[in-house]
Amino acid sequence: MNINYFEGGPSWCYHFMQRNRLSITARTTVSQNLPAGFQARVDGF
């Protein structure tokens, strides 16, 4: 495929990302803290 000139607009980009299940949002972090004594309970298991 020899493509020398290509210009994709916002709608093309949006639909391309939809088709390929792409996202530009960042992954969030875990918002809950582990309970107190968690590691001791895991070690005792």
PDB file of N, CA and C in Angstrom:
ATOM      1  N   MET A   1       0.850  -1.167   0.000  1.00  0.00           N
ATOM      2  CA  MET A   1       0.000   0.000   0.000  1.00  0.00           C
ATOM      3  C   MET A   1       0.901   1.237   0.000  1.00  0.00           C
ATOM      4  N   ASN A   2       0.781   2.032  -1.022  1.00  0.00           N
ATOM      5  CA  ASN A   2       1.603   3.226  -1.165  1.00  0.00           C
ATOM      6  C   ASN A   2       0.736   4.452  -0.912  1.00  0.00           C
ATOM      7  N   ILE A   3       0.761   4.956   0.313  1.00  0.00           N
ATOM      8  CA  ILE A   3      -0.054   6.113   0.684  1.00  0.00           C
ATOM      9  C   ILE A   3       0.875   7.303   0.885  1.00  0.00           C
ATOM     10  N   ASN A   4       0.790   8.250  -0.019  1.00  0.00           N
ATOM     11  CA  ASN A   4       1.637   9.433   0.071  1.00  0.00           C
ATOM     12  C   ASN A   4       0.932  10.599   0.738  1.00  0.00           C
ATOM     13  N   TYR A   5      -0.388  10.647   0.626  1.00  0.00           N
ATOM     14  CA  TYR A   5      -1.130  11.768   1.192  1.00  0.00           C
ATOM     15  C   TYR A   5      -2.388  11.226   1.845  1.00  0.00           C
ATOM     16  N   PHE A   6      -2.522  11.455   3.122  1.00  0.00           N
ATOM     17  CA  PHE A   6      -3.710  11.005   3.841  1.00  0.00           C
ATOM     18  C   PHE A   6      -4.102  12.081   4.827  1.00  0.00           C
ATOM     19  N   GLU A   7      -5.384  12.385   4.871  1.00  0.00           N
ATOM     20  CA  GLU A   7      -5.870  13.386   5.807  1.00  0.00           C
ATOM     21  C   GLU A   7      -7.174  12.874   6.408  1.00  0.00           C
ATOM     22  N   GLY A   8      -7.122  12.510   7.681  1.00  0.00           N
ATOM     23  CA  GLY A   8      -8.316  12.023   8.368  1.00  0.00           C
ATOM     24  C   GLY A   8      -8.855  13.098   9.300  1.00  0.00           C
ATOM     25  N   GLY A   9     -10.130  13.338   9.206  1.00  0.00           N
ATOM     26  CA  GLY A   9     -10.764  14.349  10.041  1.00  0.00           C
ATOM     27  C   GLY A   9     -11.170  13.794  11.395  1.00  0.00           C
ATOM     28  N   PRO A  10     -11.765  14.630  12.236  1.00  0.00           N
ATOM     29  CA  PRO A  10     -12.190  14.197  13.570  1.00  0.00           C
ATOM     30  C   PRO A  10     -13.191  13.049  13.538  1.00  0.00           C
ATOM     31  N   SER A  11     -14.144  13.086  12.611  1.00  0.00           N
ATOM     32  CA  SER A  11     -15.135  12.006  12.569  1.00  0.00           C
ATOM     33  C   SER A  11     -14.491  10.701  12.116  1.00  0.00           C
ATOM     34  N   TRP A  12     -13.533  10.765  11.184  1.00  0.00           N
ATOM     35  CA  TRP A  12     -12.834   9.557  10.760  1.00  0.00           C
ATOM     36  C   TRP A  12     -12.069   8.966  11.938  1.00  0.00           C
ATOM     37  N   CYS A  13     -11.384   9.817  12.686  1.00  0.00           N
ATOM     38  CA  CYS A  13     -10.616   9.363  13.847  1.00  0.00           C
ATOM     39  C   CYS A  13     -11.538   8.742  14.892  1.00  0.00           C
ATOM     40  N   TYR A  14     -12.658   9.375  15.148  1.00  0.00           N
ATOM     41  CA  TYR A  14     -13.613   8.864  16.133  1.00  0.00           C
ATOM     42  C   TYR A  14     -14.115   7.480  15.736  1.00  0.00           C
ATOM     43  N   HIS A  15     -14.534   7.325  14.497  1.00  0.00           N
ATOM     44  CA  HIS A  15     -15.055   6.037  14.051  1.00  0.00           C
ATOM     45  C   HIS A  15     -13.964   4.972  13.973  1.00  0.00           C
ATOM     46  N   PHE A  16     -12.748   5.359  13.617  1.00  0.00           N
ATOM     47  CA  PHE A  16     -11.630   4.414  13.618  1.00  0.00           C
ATOM     48  C   PHE A  16     -11.401   3.872  15.022  1.00  0.00           C
ATOM     49  N   MET A  17     -11.431   4.761  16.007  1.00  0.00           N
ATOM     50  CA  MET A  17     -11.227   4.339  17.394  1.00  0.00           C
ATOM     51  C   MET A  17     -12.382   3.464  17.868  1.00  0.00           C
ATOM     52  N   GLN A  18     -13.607   3.766  17.447  1.00  0.00           N
ATOM     53  CA  GLN A  18     -14.758   2.941  17.801  1.00  0.00           C
ATOM     54  C   GLN A  18     -14.629   1.535  17.203  1.00  0.00           C
ATOM     55  N   ARG A  19     -14.246   1.461  15.935  1.00  0.00           N
ATOM     56  CA  ARG A  19     -14.120   0.165  15.258  1.00  0.00           C
ATOM     57  C   ARG A  19     -13.058  -0.716  15.904  1.00  0.00           C
ATOM     58  N   ASN A  20     -11.978  -0.108  16.353  1.00  0.00           N
ATOM     59  CA  ASN A  20     -10.855  -0.866  16.899  1.00  0.00           C
ATOM     60  C   ASN A  20     -10.838  -0.900  18.420  1.00  0.00           C
ATOM     61  N   ARG A  21     -11.919  -0.433  19.029  1.00  0.00           N
ATOM     62  CA  ARG A  21     -12.067  -0.428  20.489  1.00  0.00           C
ATOM     63  C   ARG A  21     -10.878   0.238  21.183  1.00  0.00           C
ATOM     64  N   LEU A  22     -10.527   1.428  20.700  1.00  0.00           N
ATOM     65  CA  LEU A  22      -9.437   2.206  21.280  1.00  0.00           C
ATOM     66  C   LEU A  22     -10.009   3.311  22.152  1.00  0.00           C
ATOM     67  N   SER A  23      -9.214   3.736  23.134  1.00  0.00           N
ATOM     68  CA  SER A  23      -9.662   4.774  24.048  1.00  0.00           C
ATOM     69  C   SER A  23      -8.487   5.669  24.399  1.00  0.00           C
ATOM     70  N   ILE A  24      -8.758   6.947  24.612  1.00  0.00           N
ATOM     71  CA  ILE A  24      -7.688   7.862  24.996  1.00  0.00           C
ATOM     72  C   ILE A  24      -7.778   8.240  26.471  1.00  0.00           C
ATOM     73  N   THR A  25      -8.700   7.631  27.199  1.00  0.00           N
ATOM     74  CA  THR A  25      -8.820   7.936  28.621  1.00  0.00           C
ATOM     75  C   THR A  25      -7.805   7.122  29.410  1.00  0.00           C
ATOM     76  N   ALA A  26      -7.304   7.702  30.472  1.00  0.00           N
ATOM     77  CA  ALA A  26      -6.330   7.025  31.320  1.00  0.00           C
ATOM     78  C   ALA A  26      -7.039   6.093  32.290  1.00  0.00           C
ATOM     79  N   ARG A  27      -6.383   5.005  32.621  1.00  0.00           N
ATOM     80  CA  ARG A  27      -6.948   4.082  33.592  1.00  0.00           C
ATOM     81  C   ARG A  27      -6.886   4.720  34.969  1.00  0.00           C
ATOM     82  N   THR A  28      -7.893   4.470  35.763  1.00  0.00           N
ATOM     83  CA  THR A  28      -7.936   5.031  37.106  1.00  0.00           C
ATOM     84  C   THR A  28      -7.259   4.085  38.085  1.00  0.00           C
ATOM     85  N   THR A  29      -6.928   4.599  39.249  1.00  0.00           N
ATOM     86  CA  THR A  29      -6.299   3.777  40.278  1.00  0.00           C
ATOM     87  C   THR A  29      -7.360   3.245  41.229  1.00  0.00           C
ATOM     88  N   VAL A  30      -6.975   2.291  42.033  1.00  0.00           N
ATOM     89  CA  VAL A  30      -7.891   1.726  43.014  1.00  0.00           C
ATOM     90  C   VAL A  30      -8.146   2.788  44.074  1.00  0.00           C
ATOM     91  N   SER A  31      -9.396   3.067  44.358  1.00  0.00           N
ATOM     92  CA  SER A  31      -9.714   4.153  45.277  1.00  0.00           C
ATOM     93  C   SER A  31      -9.886   3.679  46.710  1.00  0.00           C
ATOM     94  N   GLN A  32      -9.973   2.376  46.923  1.00  0.00           N
ATOM     95  CA  GLN A  32     -10.181   1.878  48.276  1.00  0.00           C
ATOM     96  C   GLN A  32      -8.870   1.363  48.855  1.00  0.00           C
ATOM     97  N   ASN A  33      -8.672   1.616  50.140  1.00  0.00           N
ATOM     98  CA  ASN A  33      -7.493   1.111  50.829  1.00  0.00           C
ATOM     99  C   ASN A  33      -7.772  -0.291  51.350  1.00  0.00           C
ATOM    100  N   LEU A  34      -6.716  -1.087  51.462  1.00  0.00           N
ATOM    101  CA  LEU A  34      -6.868  -2.426  52.016  1.00  0.00           C
ATOM    102  C   LEU A  34      -7.139  -2.324  53.509  1.00  0.00           C
ATOM    103  N   PRO A  35      -7.891  -3.270  54.077  1.00  0.00           N
ATOM    104  CA  PRO A  35      -8.205  -3.202  55.503  1.00  0.00           C
ATOM    105  C   PRO A  35      -6.955  -3.366  56.368  1.00  0.00           C
ATOM    106  N   ALA A  36      -7.033  -2.846  57.593  1.00  0.00           N
ATOM    107  CA  ALA A  36      -5.910  -2.954  58.532  1.00  0.00           C
ATOM    108  C   ALA A  36      -5.664  -4.425  58.849  1.00  0.00           C
ATOM    109  N   GLY A  37      -4.410  -4.819  58.928  1.00  0.00           N
ATOM    110  CA  GLY A  37      -4.053  -6.193  59.240  1.00  0.00           C
ATOM    111  C   GLY A  37      -4.214  -7.139  58.066  1.00  0.00           C
ATOM    112  N   PHE A  38      -4.341  -6.611  56.884  1.00  0.00           N
ATOM    113  CA  PHE A  38      -4.554  -7.439  55.697  1.00  0.00           C
ATOM    114  C   PHE A  38      -3.388  -8.388  55.452  1.00  0.00           C
ATOM    115  N   GLN A  39      -2.166  -7.855  55.484  1.00  0.00           N
ATOM    116  CA  GLN A  39      -0.994  -8.681  55.196  1.00  0.00           C
ATOM    117  C   GLN A  39      -0.826  -9.788  56.233  1.00  0.00           C
ATOM    118  N   ALA A  40      -1.086  -9.497  57.507  1.00  0.00           N
ATOM    119  CA  ALA A  40      -0.972 -10.518  58.553  1.00  0.00           C
ATOM    120  C   ALA A  40      -1.998 -11.629  58.323  1.00  0.00           C
ATOM    121  N   ARG A  41      -3.197 -11.276  57.905  1.00  0.00           N
ATOM    122  CA  ARG A  41      -4.224 -12.288  57.642  1.00  0.00           C
ATOM    123  C   ARG A  41      -3.861 -13.142  56.431  1.00  0.00           C
ATOM    124  N   VAL A  42      -3.247 -12.532  55.422  1.00  0.00           N
ATOM    125  CA  VAL A  42      -2.826 -13.286  54.242  1.00  0.00           C
ATOM    126  C   VAL A  42      -1.701 -14.244  54.612  1.00  0.00           C
ATOM    127  N   ASP A  43      -0.746 -13.765  55.401  1.00  0.00           N
ATOM    128  CA  ASP A  43       0.367 -14.620  55.819  1.00  0.00           C
ATOM    129  C   ASP A  43      -0.121 -15.777  56.674  1.00  0.00           C
ATOM    130  N   GLY A  44      -1.140 -15.556  57.498  1.00  0.00           N
ATOM    131  CA  GLY A  44      -1.671 -16.600  58.360  1.00  0.00           C
ATOM    132  C   GLY A  44      -2.543 -17.602  57.628  1.00  0.00           C
ATOM    133  N   PHE A  45      -2.974 -17.259  56.450  1.00  0.00           N
ATOM    134  CA  PHE A  45      -3.827 -18.158  55.688  1.00  0.00           C
ATOM    135  C   PHE A  45      -2.992 -19.298  55.153  1.00  0.00           C
TER     136      PHE A  45
END
